[in-house]
PDB file of N, CA and C in Angstrom:
ATOM      1  N   UNK A   1     -99.288  -8.450  72.942  1.00  0.00           N
ATOM      2  CA  UNK A   1     -98.847  -7.336  72.615  1.00  0.00           C
ATOM      3  C   UNK A   1     -98.372  -6.267  73.985  1.00  0.00           C
ATOM      4  N   UNK A   2     -97.197  -5.689  73.470  1.00  0.00           N
ATOM      5  CA  UNK A   2     -96.606  -5.057  74.475  1.00  0.00           C
ATOM      6  C   UNK A   2     -97.514  -3.955  75.291  1.00  0.00           C
ATOM      7  N   UNK A   3     -98.199  -3.972  76.583  1.00  0.00           N
ATOM      8  CA  UNK A   3     -98.627  -3.082  77.322  1.00  0.00           C
ATOM      9  C   UNK A   3     -98.394  -1.601  76.815  1.00  0.00           C
ATOM     10  N   UNK A   4     -96.696  -1.475  76.995  1.00  0.00           N
ATOM     11  CA  UNK A   4     -96.329  -0.184  77.056  1.00  0.00           C
ATOM     12  C   UNK A   4     -96.748   0.634  75.514  1.00  0.00           C
ATOM     13  N   UNK A   5     -97.190   0.203  74.467  1.00  0.00           N
ATOM     14  CA  UNK A   5     -97.331   0.524  73.201  1.00  0.00           C
ATOM     15  C   UNK A   5     -99.119   0.425  72.932  1.00  0.00           C
ATOM     16  N   UNK A   6     -99.677   1.596  72.345  1.00  0.00           N
ATOM     17  CA  UNK A   6    -101.010   1.327  71.816  1.00  0.00           C
ATOM     18  C   UNK A   6    -100.725   0.824  70.617  1.00  0.00           C
ATOM     19  N   UNK A   7    -102.109   0.396  70.099  1.00  0.00           N
ATOM     20  CA  UNK A   7    -102.388   0.239  68.692  1.00  0.00           C
ATOM     21  C   UNK A   7    -101.610   1.158  67.434  1.00  0.00           C
ATOM     22  N   UNK A   8    -102.072   2.864  68.170  1.00  0.00           N
ATOM     23  CA  UNK A   8    -101.701   3.324  66.970  1.00  0.00           C
ATOM     24  C   UNK A   8     -99.916   3.525  66.856  1.00  0.00           C
ATOM     25  N   UNK A   9     -99.539   3.523  67.881  1.00  0.00           N
ATOM     26  CA  UNK A   9     -98.216   3.226  67.620  1.00  0.00           C
ATOM     27  C   UNK A   9     -97.602   2.221  67.252  1.00  0.00           C
ATOM     28  N   UNK A  10     -98.124   1.468  67.591  1.00  0.00           N
ATOM     29  CA  UNK A  10     -97.410  -0.284  66.712  1.00  0.00           C
ATOM     30  C   UNK A  10     -98.021  -0.160  64.979  1.00  0.00           C
ATOM     31  N   UNK A  11     -98.672   0.510  64.799  1.00  0.00           N
ATOM     32  CA  UNK A  11     -99.715  -0.108  63.436  1.00  0.00           C
ATOM     33  C   UNK A  11     -98.435   0.936  62.315  1.00  0.00           C
ATOM     34  N   UNK A  12     -98.245   1.813  62.470  1.00  0.00           N
ATOM     35  CA  UNK A  12     -97.238   2.765  61.618  1.00  0.00           C
ATOM     36  C   UNK A  12     -96.109   1.569  61.273  1.00  0.00           C
ATOM     37  N   UNK A  13     -95.014   1.251  62.373  1.00  0.00           N
ATOM     38  CA  UNK A  13     -94.458   0.239  61.882  1.00  0.00           C
ATOM     39  C   UNK A  13     -94.588  -1.074  60.829  1.00  0.00           C
ATOM     40  N   UNK A  14     -95.828  -1.671  61.831  1.00  0.00           N
ATOM     41  CA  UNK A  14     -96.478  -3.035  61.100  1.00  0.00           C
ATOM     42  C   UNK A  14     -96.651  -2.760  59.696  1.00  0.00           C
ATOM     43  N   UNK A  15     -97.247  -1.371  59.805  1.00  0.00           N
ATOM     44  CA  UNK A  15     -97.595  -1.223  57.922  1.00  0.00           C
ATOM     45  C   UNK A  15     -96.375  -1.548  56.776  1.00  0.00           C
ATOM     46  N   UNK A  16     -96.030  -0.620  57.507  1.00  0.00           N
ATOM     47  CA  UNK A  16     -94.238  -0.559  56.858  1.00  0.00           C
ATOM     48  C   UNK A  16     -93.700  -1.511  56.413  1.00  0.00           C
ATOM     49  N   UNK A  17     -93.188  -2.604  57.625  1.00  0.00           N
ATOM     50  CA  UNK A  17     -92.649  -3.955  57.555  1.00  0.00           C
ATOM     51  C   UNK A  17     -93.758  -4.749  56.579  1.00  0.00           C
ATOM     52  N   UNK A  18     -94.933  -5.081  56.747  1.00  0.00           N
ATOM     53  CA  UNK A  18     -95.475  -5.603  55.414  1.00  0.00           C
ATOM     54  C   UNK A  18     -95.706  -5.119  54.219  1.00  0.00           C
ATOM     55  N   UNK A  19     -95.748  -3.838  53.965  1.00  0.00           N
ATOM     56  CA  UNK A  19     -95.262  -3.158  52.666  1.00  0.00           C
ATOM     57  C   UNK A  19     -93.723  -3.445  52.222  1.00  0.00           C
ATOM     58  N   UNK A  20     -92.741  -3.183  52.749  1.00  0.00           N
ATOM     59  CA  UNK A  20     -91.676  -3.991  52.539  1.00  0.00           C
ATOM     60  C   UNK A  20     -91.605  -4.973  52.167  1.00  0.00           C
ATOM     61  N   UNK A  21     -92.081  -6.116  52.756  1.00  0.00           N
ATOM     62  CA  UNK A  21     -92.320  -7.444  52.537  1.00  0.00           C
ATOM     63  C   UNK A  21     -92.476  -7.975  51.064  1.00  0.00           C
ATOM     64  N   UNK A  22     -93.563  -7.226  51.084  1.00  0.00           N
ATOM     65  CA  UNK A  22     -94.891  -7.086  49.709  1.00  0.00           C
ATOM     66  C   UNK A  22     -93.686  -8.047  48.618  1.00  0.00           C
ATOM     67  N   UNK A  23     -94.441  -8.502  47.837  1.00  0.00           N
ATOM     68  CA  UNK A  23     -93.795  -9.168  46.685  1.00  0.00           C
ATOM     69  C   UNK A  23     -94.042  -8.286  45.258  1.00  0.00           C
ATOM     70  N   UNK A  24     -94.906  -6.925  45.814  1.00  0.00           N
ATOM     71  CA  UNK A  24     -95.082  -5.993  45.032  1.00  0.00           C
ATOM     72  C   UNK A  24     -94.127  -4.713  44.601  1.00  0.00           C
ATOM     73  N   UNK A  25     -93.236  -4.483  44.300  1.00  0.00           N
ATOM     74  CA  UNK A  25     -92.277  -3.217  43.922  1.00  0.00           C
ATOM     75  C   UNK A  25     -92.700  -1.935  44.124  1.00  0.00           C
ATOM     76  N   UNK A  26     -93.717  -2.059  43.541  1.00  0.00           N
ATOM     77  CA  UNK A  26     -94.341  -0.427  43.774  1.00  0.00           C
ATOM     78  C   UNK A  26     -94.653  -0.468  45.226  1.00  0.00           C
ATOM     79  N   UNK A  27     -95.456  -1.363  45.763  1.00  0.00           N
ATOM     80  CA  UNK A  27     -95.782  -1.338  47.499  1.00  0.00           C
ATOM     81  C   UNK A  27     -94.442  -0.731  47.945  1.00  0.00           C
ATOM     82  N   UNK A  28     -93.302  -2.165  47.811  1.00  0.00           N
ATOM     83  CA  UNK A  28     -91.753  -1.542  48.578  1.00  0.00           C
ATOM     84  C   UNK A  28     -91.051  -0.307  48.349  1.00  0.00           C
ATOM     85  N   UNK A  29     -91.657   0.506  47.075  1.00  0.00           N
ATOM     86  CA  UNK A  29     -91.059   1.596  47.310  1.00  0.00           C
ATOM     87  C   UNK A  29     -91.952   2.437  47.404  1.00  0.00           C
ATOM     88  N   UNK A  30     -93.171   2.901  47.639  1.00  0.00           N
ATOM     89  CA  UNK A  30     -93.602   3.704  48.255  1.00  0.00           C
ATOM     90  C   UNK A  30     -93.373   3.697  49.792  1.00  0.00           C
ATOM     91  N   UNK A  31     -92.980   2.626  50.484  1.00  0.00           N
ATOM     92  CA  UNK A  31     -93.113   2.473  51.630  1.00  0.00           C
ATOM     93  C   UNK A  31     -91.751   3.195  52.213  1.00  0.00           C
ATOM     94  N   UNK A  32     -90.645   3.159  51.062  1.00  0.00           N
ATOM     95  CA  UNK A  32     -89.738   3.443  50.817  1.00  0.00           C
ATOM     96  C   UNK A  32     -89.619   4.862  51.088  1.00  0.00           C
ATOM     97  N   UNK A  33     -90.304   5.328  50.124  1.00  0.00           N
ATOM     98  CA  UNK A  33     -90.502   7.052  50.512  1.00  0.00           C
ATOM     99  C   UNK A  33     -91.216   7.588  51.213  1.00  0.00           C
ATOM    100  N   UNK A  34     -92.338   6.505  52.197  1.00  0.00           N
ATOM    101  CA  UNK A  34     -92.871   7.201  53.730  1.00  0.00           C
ATOM    102  C   UNK A  34     -92.127   6.707  54.721  1.00  0.00           C
ATOM    103  N   UNK A  35     -90.978   6.906  54.513  1.00  0.00           N
ATOM    104  CA  UNK A  35     -90.055   5.514  55.686  1.00  0.00           C
ATOM    105  C   UNK A  35     -89.764   7.242  56.602  1.00  0.00           C
ATOM    106  N   UNK A  36     -89.838   8.433  56.312  1.00  0.00           N
ATOM    107  CA  UNK A  36     -89.374   9.325  57.400  1.00  0.00           C
ATOM    108  C   UNK A  36     -90.879  10.153  58.108  1.00  0.00           C
ATOM    109  N   UNK A  37     -91.818   9.328  57.310  1.00  0.00           N
ATOM    110  CA  UNK A  37     -93.097   9.650  58.142  1.00  0.00           C
ATOM    111  C   UNK A  37     -93.338   8.555  59.117  1.00  0.00           C
ATOM    112  N   UNK A  38     -92.961   7.540  58.254  1.00  0.00           N
ATOM    113  CA  UNK A  38     -92.744   6.081  59.845  1.00  0.00           C
ATOM    114  C   UNK A  38     -92.139   6.683  61.185  1.00  0.00           C
ATOM    115  N   UNK A  39     -90.635   7.059  60.612  1.00  0.00           N
ATOM    116  CA  UNK A  39     -90.012   7.595  61.450  1.00  0.00           C
ATOM    117  C   UNK A  39     -90.610   8.321  62.546  1.00  0.00           C
ATOM    118  N   UNK A  40     -90.791   9.348  61.884  1.00  0.00           N
ATOM    119  CA  UNK A  40     -91.622  10.456  62.609  1.00  0.00           C
ATOM    120  C   UNK A  40     -92.720   9.932  63.584  1.00  0.00           C
ATOM    121  N   UNK A  41     -93.610   9.366  63.315  1.00  0.00           N
ATOM    122  CA  UNK A  41     -94.736   8.798  64.161  1.00  0.00           C
ATOM    123  C   UNK A  41     -94.219   7.612  65.191  1.00  0.00           C
ATOM    124  N   UNK A  42     -92.790   7.259  65.009  1.00  0.00           N
ATOM    125  CA  UNK A  42     -92.316   5.837  65.982  1.00  0.00           C
ATOM    126  C   UNK A  42     -91.743   7.205  66.854  1.00  0.00           C
ATOM    127  N   UNK A  43     -91.032   8.168  66.769  1.00  0.00           N
ATOM    128  CA  UNK A  43     -90.178   8.993  67.678  1.00  0.00           C
ATOM    129  C   UNK A  43     -89.197   8.466  67.554  1.00  0.00           C
ATOM    130  N   UNK A  44     -87.680   9.411  67.597  1.00  0.00           N
ATOM    131  CA  UNK A  44     -86.423   9.043  68.058  1.00  0.00           C
ATOM    132  C   UNK A  44     -86.267   7.598  68.537  1.00  0.00           C
ATOM    133  N   UNK A  45     -86.429   7.112  69.434  1.00  0.00           N
ATOM    134  CA  UNK A  45     -85.893   6.060  70.045  1.00  0.00           C
ATOM    135  C   UNK A  45     -86.655   4.599  69.617  1.00  0.00           C
ATOM    136  N   UNK A  46     -87.649   4.712  68.917  1.00  0.00           N
ATOM    137  CA  UNK A  46     -88.237   3.747  68.158  1.00  0.00           C
ATOM    138  C   UNK A  46     -87.606   3.481  66.762  1.00  0.00           C
ATOM    139  N   UNK A  47     -87.390   4.926  66.231  1.00  0.00           N
ATOM    140  CA  UNK A  47     -86.675   4.664  64.895  1.00  0.00           C
ATOM    141  C   UNK A  47     -85.461   4.055  65.006  1.00  0.00           C
ATOM    142  N   UNK A  48     -84.670   4.727  66.169  1.00  0.00           N
ATOM    143  CA  UNK A  48     -83.237   4.268  65.957  1.00  0.00           C
ATOM    144  C   UNK A  48     -83.400   2.488  66.462  1.00  0.00           C
ATOM    145  N   UNK A  49     -84.202   2.381  67.171  1.00  0.00           N
ATOM    146  CA  UNK A  49     -84.138   1.056  67.829  1.00  0.00           C
ATOM    147  C   UNK A  49     -84.799  -0.348  66.859  1.00  0.00           C
ATOM    148  N   UNK A  50     -85.919   0.147  66.282  1.00  0.00           N
ATOM    149  CA  UNK A  50     -86.819  -0.515  65.447  1.00  0.00           C
ATOM    150  C   UNK A  50     -86.559  -0.446  63.972  1.00  0.00           C
ATOM    151  N   UNK A  51     -86.743   0.617  63.452  1.00  0.00           N
ATOM    152  CA  UNK A  51     -86.694   1.056  62.217  1.00  0.00           C
ATOM    153  C   UNK A  51     -84.909   0.657  61.462  1.00  0.00           C
ATOM    154  N   UNK A  52     -84.487   1.618  61.765  1.00  0.00           N
ATOM    155  CA  UNK A  52     -82.986   0.999  61.239  1.00  0.00           C
ATOM    156  C   UNK A  52     -83.096   0.057  60.952  1.00  0.00           C
ATOM    157  N   UNK A  53     -82.757  -0.773  62.401  1.00  0.00           N
ATOM    158  CA  UNK A  53     -82.225  -2.095  62.080  1.00  0.00           C
ATOM    159  C   UNK A  53     -83.050  -2.825  61.094  1.00  0.00           C
ATOM    160  N   UNK A  54     -84.268  -2.314  61.034  1.00  0.00           N
ATOM    161  CA  UNK A  54     -85.268  -3.520  59.889  1.00  0.00           C
ATOM    162  C   UNK A  54     -84.800  -2.732  58.565  1.00  0.00           C
ATOM    163  N   UNK A  55     -84.663  -1.529  58.736  1.00  0.00           N
ATOM    164  CA  UNK A  55     -84.863  -1.540  57.051  1.00  0.00           C
ATOM    165  C   UNK A  55     -82.486  -1.997  56.584  1.00  0.00           C
ATOM    166  N   UNK A  56     -81.676  -1.983  57.562  1.00  0.00           N
ATOM    167  CA  UNK A  56     -80.989  -2.456  57.147  1.00  0.00           C
ATOM    168  C   UNK A  56     -81.108  -4.073  56.830  1.00  0.00           C
ATOM    169  N   UNK A  57     -81.276  -4.837  57.316  1.00  0.00           N
ATOM    170  CA  UNK A  57     -82.082  -6.330  57.221  1.00  0.00           C
ATOM    171  C   UNK A  57     -82.773  -6.411  55.656  1.00  0.00           C
ATOM    172  N   UNK A  58     -83.394  -5.430  55.154  1.00  0.00           N
ATOM    173  CA  UNK A  58     -84.503  -5.328  54.050  1.00  0.00           C
ATOM    174  C   UNK A  58     -83.163  -5.031  53.045  1.00  0.00           C
ATOM    175  N   UNK A  59     -81.683  -4.699  53.055  1.00  0.00           N
ATOM    176  CA  UNK A  59     -81.061  -3.813  51.765  1.00  0.00           C
ATOM    177  C   UNK A  59     -80.818  -5.012  50.849  1.00  0.00           C
ATOM    178  N   UNK A  60     -81.508  -6.421  50.723  1.00  0.00           N
ATOM    179  CA  UNK A  60     -81.854  -7.065  49.748  1.00  0.00           C
ATOM    180  C   UNK A  60     -82.864  -7.213  48.763  1.00  0.00           C
ATOM    181  N   UNK A  61     -82.858  -5.782  47.694  1.00  0.00           N
ATOM    182  CA  UNK A  61     -84.187  -5.762  47.126  1.00  0.00           C
ATOM    183  C   UNK A  61     -83.682  -4.865  45.917  1.00  0.00           C
ATOM    184  N   UNK A  62     -84.526  -4.906  45.364  1.00  0.00           N
ATOM    185  CA  UNK A  62     -84.833  -4.056  43.666  1.00  0.00           C
ATOM    186  C   UNK A  62     -83.589  -3.305  43.808  1.00  0.00           C
ATOM    187  N   UNK A  63     -82.841  -2.960  42.557  1.00  0.00           N
ATOM    188  CA  UNK A  63     -81.807  -1.660  42.640  1.00  0.00           C
ATOM    189  C   UNK A  63     -82.842  -0.413  42.560  1.00  0.00           C
ATOM    190  N   UNK A  64     -84.299  -0.445  42.597  1.00  0.00           N
ATOM    191  CA  UNK A  64     -84.709   1.417  42.452  1.00  0.00           C
ATOM    192  C   UNK A  64     -85.359   1.082  43.781  1.00  0.00           C
ATOM    193  N   UNK A  65     -85.294   0.045  44.584  1.00  0.00           N
ATOM    194  CA  UNK A  65     -85.885   0.399  45.830  1.00  0.00           C
ATOM    195  C   UNK A  65     -84.405   0.630  47.034  1.00  0.00           C
ATOM    196  N   UNK A  66     -83.816  -0.238  46.715  1.00  0.00           N
ATOM    197  CA  UNK A  66     -82.400   0.636  46.838  1.00  0.00           C
ATOM    198  C   UNK A  66     -81.878   2.079  46.897  1.00  0.00           C
ATOM    199  N   UNK A  67     -82.100   2.417  45.715  1.00  0.00           N
ATOM    200  CA  UNK A  67     -81.920   3.476  45.158  1.00  0.00           C
ATOM    201  C   UNK A  67     -82.497   4.931  46.148  1.00  0.00           C
ATOM    202  N   UNK A  68     -83.917   4.328  46.212  1.00  0.00           N
ATOM    203  CA  UNK A  68     -84.980   5.202  46.881  1.00  0.00           C
ATOM    204  C   UNK A  68     -84.737   4.928  48.242  1.00  0.00           C
ATOM    205  N   UNK A  69     -84.051   3.844  49.304  1.00  0.00           N
ATOM    206  CA  UNK A  69     -83.765   3.741  50.672  1.00  0.00           C
ATOM    207  C   UNK A  69     -82.587   4.806  50.669  1.00  0.00           C
ATOM    208  N   UNK A  70     -81.334   4.863  49.743  1.00  0.00           N
ATOM    209  CA  UNK A  70     -80.334   5.549  50.065  1.00  0.00           C
ATOM    210  C   UNK A  70     -80.777   6.957  49.939  1.00  0.00           C
ATOM    211  N   UNK A  71     -81.169   7.562  49.216  1.00  0.00           N
ATOM    212  CA  UNK A  71     -82.138   8.871  48.890  1.00  0.00           C
ATOM    213  C   UNK A  71     -82.605   8.769  50.207  1.00  0.00           C
ATOM    214  N   UNK A  72     -83.493   8.433  50.665  1.00  0.00           N
ATOM    215  CA  UNK A  72     -84.278   8.881  52.143  1.00  0.00           C
ATOM    216  C   UNK A  72     -83.245   9.034  53.089  1.00  0.00           C
ATOM    217  N   UNK A  73     -82.431   8.093  53.174  1.00  0.00           N
ATOM    218  CA  UNK A  73     -81.547   7.829  54.588  1.00  0.00           C
ATOM    219  C   UNK A  73     -80.721   8.968  54.343  1.00  0.00           C
ATOM    220  N   UNK A  74     -80.421   9.461  53.259  1.00  0.00           N
ATOM    221  CA  UNK A  74     -79.380  10.322  52.826  1.00  0.00           C
ATOM    222  C   UNK A  74     -80.048  12.169  53.127  1.00  0.00           C
ATOM    223  N   UNK A  75     -80.970  11.945  53.055  1.00  0.00           N
ATOM    224  CA  UNK A  75     -81.916  13.394  53.292  1.00  0.00           C
ATOM    225  C   UNK A  75     -81.411  14.214  54.951  1.00  0.00           C
ATOM    226  N   UNK A  76     -82.321  14.515  55.345  1.00  0.00           N
ATOM    227  CA  UNK A  76     -82.178  15.031  56.280  1.00  0.00           C
ATOM    228  C   UNK A  76     -82.448  13.850  57.735  1.00  0.00           C
ATOM    229  N   UNK A  77     -82.539  12.572  57.122  1.00  0.00           N
ATOM    230  CA  UNK A  77     -83.184  11.411  57.920  1.00  0.00           C
ATOM    231  C   UNK A  77     -82.595  11.320  59.807  1.00  0.00           C
ATOM    232  N   UNK A  78     -81.451  12.298  60.079  1.00  0.00           N
ATOM    233  CA  UNK A  78     -80.883  11.928  61.109  1.00  0.00           C
ATOM    234  C   UNK A  78     -81.751  12.872  62.044  1.00  0.00           C
ATOM    235  N   UNK A  79     -82.590  14.127  61.742  1.00  0.00           N
ATOM    236  CA  UNK A  79     -83.396  14.824  62.395  1.00  0.00           C
ATOM    237  C   UNK A  79     -84.279  13.884  63.025  1.00  0.00           C
ATOM    238  N   UNK A  80     -85.139  12.648  62.265  1.00  0.00           N
ATOM    239  CA  UNK A  80     -85.680  11.871  63.055  1.00  0.00           C
ATOM    240  C   UNK A  80     -85.092  10.404  63.932  1.00  0.00           C
ATOM    241  N   UNK A  81     -83.953  10.418  63.711  1.00  0.00           N
ATOM    242  CA  UNK A  81     -83.599   9.508  64.715  1.00  0.00           C
ATOM    243  C   UNK A  81     -82.351   9.904  66.453  1.00  0.00           C
ATOM    244  N   UNK A  82     -83.109  11.118  66.089  1.00  0.00           N
ATOM    245  CA  UNK A  82     -82.730  12.066  67.530  1.00  0.00           C
ATOM    246  C   UNK A  82     -81.491  12.949  67.171  1.00  0.00           C
ATOM    247  N   UNK A  83     -81.044  13.399  65.810  1.00  0.00           N
ATOM    248  CA  UNK A  83     -80.321  14.479  65.713  1.00  0.00           C
ATOM    249  C   UNK A  83     -78.636  14.050  65.140  1.00  0.00           C
ATOM    250  N   UNK A  84     -77.868  15.096  65.377  1.00  0.00           N
ATOM    251  CA  UNK A  84     -76.936  14.752  64.932  1.00  0.00           C
ATOM    252  C   UNK A  84     -75.671  13.706  66.061  1.00  0.00           C
ATOM    253  N   UNK A  85     -76.356  13.663  67.010  1.00  0.00           N
ATOM    254  CA  UNK A  85     -75.386  12.657  68.314  1.00  0.00           C
ATOM    255  C   UNK A  85     -75.886  11.405  67.668  1.00  0.00           C
ATOM    256  N   UNK A  86     -76.965  10.985  66.953  1.00  0.00           N
ATOM    257  CA  UNK A  86     -77.405   9.678  66.929  1.00  0.00           C
ATOM    258  C   UNK A  86     -77.069   9.428  65.068  1.00  0.00           C
ATOM    259  N   UNK A  87     -76.577  10.215  64.295  1.00  0.00           N
ATOM    260  CA  UNK A  87     -76.294  10.139  63.040  1.00  0.00           C
ATOM    261  C   UNK A  87     -75.495   8.503  62.813  1.00  0.00           C
ATOM    262  N   UNK A  88     -74.972   8.875  63.413  1.00  0.00           N
ATOM    263  CA  UNK A  88     -73.779   7.489  63.385  1.00  0.00           C
ATOM    264  C   UNK A  88     -74.813   6.343  62.736  1.00  0.00           C
ATOM    265  N   UNK A  89     -75.827   5.770  63.308  1.00  0.00           N
ATOM    266  CA  UNK A  89     -76.824   4.891  63.418  1.00  0.00           C
ATOM    267  C   UNK A  89     -76.740   4.235  61.695  1.00  0.00           C
ATOM    268  N   UNK A  90     -76.661   5.816  61.046  1.00  0.00           N
ATOM    269  CA  UNK A  90     -76.781   5.690  59.606  1.00  0.00           C
ATOM    270  C   UNK A  90     -75.592   5.132  58.765  1.00  0.00           C
ATOM    271  N   UNK A  91     -74.666   4.966  59.038  1.00  0.00           N
ATOM    272  CA  UNK A  91     -73.790   4.418  58.939  1.00  0.00           C
ATOM    273  C   UNK A  91     -74.080   3.189  58.387  1.00  0.00           C
ATOM    274  N   UNK A  92     -74.420   2.484  58.985  1.00  0.00           N
ATOM    275  CA  UNK A  92     -74.574   1.175  58.775  1.00  0.00           C
ATOM    276  C   UNK A  92     -75.346   0.452  57.553  1.00  0.00           C
ATOM    277  N   UNK A  93     -76.199   0.959  57.591  1.00  0.00           N
ATOM    278  CA  UNK A  93     -77.092   0.946  56.004  1.00  0.00           C
ATOM    279  C   UNK A  93     -76.741   1.376  55.072  1.00  0.00           C
ATOM    280  N   UNK A  94     -76.103   2.609  55.331  1.00  0.00           N
ATOM    281  CA  UNK A  94     -75.378   3.564  54.077  1.00  0.00           C
ATOM    282  C   UNK A  94     -74.188   2.611  53.924  1.00  0.00           C
ATOM    283  N   UNK A  95     -73.584   2.304  54.968  1.00  0.00           N
ATOM    284  CA  UNK A  95     -72.590   1.277  54.177  1.00  0.00           C
ATOM    285  C   UNK A  95     -72.895   0.083  53.500  1.00  0.00           C
ATOM    286  N   UNK A  96     -73.839  -1.128  53.907  1.00  0.00           N
ATOM    287  CA  UNK A  96     -74.254  -1.772  52.848  1.00  0.00           C
ATOM    288  C   UNK A  96     -74.918  -0.969  51.415  1.00  0.00           C
ATOM    289  N   UNK A  97     -75.442  -0.177  51.778  1.00  0.00           N
ATOM    290  CA  UNK A  97     -75.686   0.344  50.202  1.00  0.00           C
ATOM    291  C   UNK A  97     -74.623   0.574  49.521  1.00  0.00           C
ATOM    292  N   UNK A  98     -73.745   0.785  50.080  1.00  0.00           N
ATOM    293  CA  UNK A  98     -72.440   1.541  49.443  1.00  0.00           C
ATOM    294  C   UNK A  98     -71.888  -0.029  48.681  1.00  0.00           C
ATOM    295  N   UNK A  99     -72.176  -1.019  48.944  1.00  0.00           N
ATOM    296  CA  UNK A  99     -71.749  -2.207  48.708  1.00  0.00           C
ATOM    297  C   UNK A  99     -72.408  -3.010  47.106  1.00  0.00           C
ATOM    298  N   UNK A 100     -73.734  -2.595  47.278  1.00  0.00           N
ATOM    299  CA  UNK A 100     -74.150  -3.310  45.897  1.00  0.00           C
ATOM    300  C   UNK A 100     -73.818  -3.106  44.617  1.00  0.00           C
ATOM    301  N   UNK A 101     -74.211  -3.739  43.841  1.00  0.00           N
ATOM    302  CA  UNK A 101     -73.613  -4.531  42.827  1.00  0.00           C
ATOM    303  C   UNK A 101     -73.848  -3.234  41.985  1.00  0.00           C
ATOM    304  N   UNK A 102     -75.172  -2.109  41.672  1.00  0.00           N
ATOM    305  CA  UNK A 102     -75.914  -1.489  41.268  1.00  0.00           C
ATOM    306  C   UNK A 102     -75.081   0.004  41.278  1.00  0.00           C
ATOM    307  N   UNK A 103     -74.582   0.521  40.601  1.00  0.00           N
ATOM    308  CA  UNK A 103     -73.682   1.709  40.266  1.00  0.00           C
ATOM    309  C   UNK A 103     -74.219   3.010  41.509  1.00  0.00           C
ATOM    310  N   UNK A 104     -75.323   3.259  40.640  1.00  0.00           N
ATOM    311  CA  UNK A 104     -76.243   4.223  41.272  1.00  0.00           C
ATOM    312  C   UNK A 104     -76.810   4.350  42.346  1.00  0.00           C
ATOM    313  N   UNK A 105     -77.075   2.855  43.061  1.00  0.00           N
ATOM    314  CA  UNK A 105     -77.113   3.103  44.345  1.00  0.00           C
ATOM    315  C   UNK A 105     -75.712   3.164  44.581  1.00  0.00           C
ATOM    316  N   UNK A 106     -74.569   2.707  44.985  1.00  0.00           N
ATOM    317  CA  UNK A 106     -73.741   3.212  45.642  1.00  0.00           C
ATOM    318  C   UNK A 106     -73.129   4.276  45.343  1.00  0.00           C
ATOM    319  N   UNK A 107     -73.545   4.895  44.690  1.00  0.00           N
ATOM    320  CA  UNK A 107     -72.702   6.265  44.742  1.00  0.00           C
ATOM    321  C   UNK A 107     -73.639   7.372  45.309  1.00  0.00           C
ATOM    322  N   UNK A 108     -74.970   7.044  45.166  1.00  0.00           N
ATOM    323  CA  UNK A 108     -76.188   7.769  46.138  1.00  0.00           C
ATOM    324  C   UNK A 108     -75.650   7.477  47.945  1.00  0.00           C
ATOM    325  N   UNK A 109     -75.430   6.282  47.888  1.00  0.00           N
ATOM    326  CA  UNK A 109     -75.079   5.479  49.578  1.00  0.00           C
ATOM    327  C   UNK A 109     -73.729   6.453  50.175  1.00  0.00           C
ATOM    328  N   UNK A 110     -72.745   6.452  48.808  1.00  0.00           N
ATOM    329  CA  UNK A 110     -71.564   7.258  49.514  1.00  0.00           C
ATOM    330  C   UNK A 110     -71.599   8.294  49.485  1.00  0.00           C
ATOM    331  N   UNK A 111     -72.623   9.254  48.925  1.00  0.00           N
ATOM    332  CA  UNK A 111     -72.517  10.450  49.062  1.00  0.00           C
ATOM    333  C   UNK A 111     -72.701  11.400  50.337  1.00  0.00           C
ATOM    334  N   UNK A 112     -73.483  10.108  50.883  1.00  0.00           N
ATOM    335  CA  UNK A 112     -73.856  10.425  52.145  1.00  0.00           C
ATOM    336  C   UNK A 112     -72.787  10.113  53.179  1.00  0.00           C
ATOM    337  N   UNK A 113     -72.154   9.170  53.307  1.00  0.00           N
ATOM    338  CA  UNK A 113     -71.374   8.531  54.380  1.00  0.00           C
ATOM    339  C   UNK A 113     -70.303   9.450  54.661  1.00  0.00           C
TER     340      UNK A 113
END
């Protein structure tokens, strides 16, 4: 374990990652709906450096999970990653979501680009 992080700091992202990897779609969906809480717990730096790349790599999922992710990232998620100066970090995941096959997901992601 990294001596710079306590167990309390590591637990939120570990739980989210476990739930996002779950076979259970409902668990993955619940995790996506809590992603802003996880980002807040991590703080802006870790949210940018760990959470956003993890979410970007998780964009191969069920349509309802992807739609929820597009909605969550499109809300006021920039406040959790350090404000408008870092909002460009959300472009990668939103661009990927805007290219998926499901029209609802594409439209929701495109609204926030």
